[in-house]
Amino acid sequence: MDPGTTALLAILAGMLVGFALGLVGGGGSILAVPLLAYLVGVDSPHMAIGTGAMAVALNAAAGLAGHARAGNVRWPCALVFSVAGVAGAAIGAEAGKAFDGERLLALFGVLMIVVGIAMIRRRADRAQDDVRMTRANAPAMLVRLGPIGFGVGLLAGFFGIGGGFLIVPGLILAVGLPITTAIGSSLVAVFALGATTAASYSLSGLIDWPLIPWLAAGGVLGSILGRRLHRRLGACRDLLQRGFGALVVAIGGWVALQGL
């Protein structure tokens, strides 16, 4: 495949990931690996995972800036979750690199099916009181944030994903953050976990660096388009999320079969 075609496909892959994130608010990063492997044509499954992790980290950093300006980030909770998650991601990434690439893709497909089903079954968000970490409640929050963050990081590192679809419910479960601040705060962890996984894969030479600018550019454009469509179709958010979940299940089944 010539470089020009590869660049265009990488931009398209980035746009699809960014569009999904902007449209339904989560789960888009799980498309990065199959798009890189089967659309862009990255030969090695491990190379696709490492490259996808870097792209996800960059997209999260771009999205985090907007949420931070809007006051949707609870920094103490996000940072504690992220520190614990980074430790898990570092271990998970090393385990993922040691795993057979084709079997890893098959397991990734199974994970996509589980995530897609969770998105289909997810109920509409309920309003919650705002939550902040204080000196009084910090010990109780730390006990919950640490283990959950570590477990999410372990999975994110092993599969090379941002893990936003796990981080958001993890933050809600751990400390009861409202959905808006859980989404904003999750991007801190998505960036941290993606960057940790990418660093591990980079040290092993498993990132296709020429693809990164094209993926990032496509991601920014796709995210803008997705957010605009989301605002227009806001009343159909649950339907959109379930439809996207069904798509993730279908792609996951195909990826699992290819890996096997």
Foldseek 3Di string as FASTA:
>chain_A
DDPVLLLVLLLVLLLQLLLLCQAQVDDSLLSQQVSVVPRSPDPFSLLSLLQSLLLQLLLLVVVLVVCVVVVLAQVVLLVLLQVLLLVLLLVLQVVLVVDDRLQLLLVSLVVLQVLLVCLLPDDDFDFDDADHDDPVCVVQLSVQSNVQSNVQSNVCNNNSGLSLSSQLVSSCVRTNHGNSSSSSSSSSNSNSSSVSSNVSCVVVVSYPVVSNVSSNNSSVVSNVVNNVVCVVPVVCNSVVSNVVSVVSNVVSVVSSVSSD
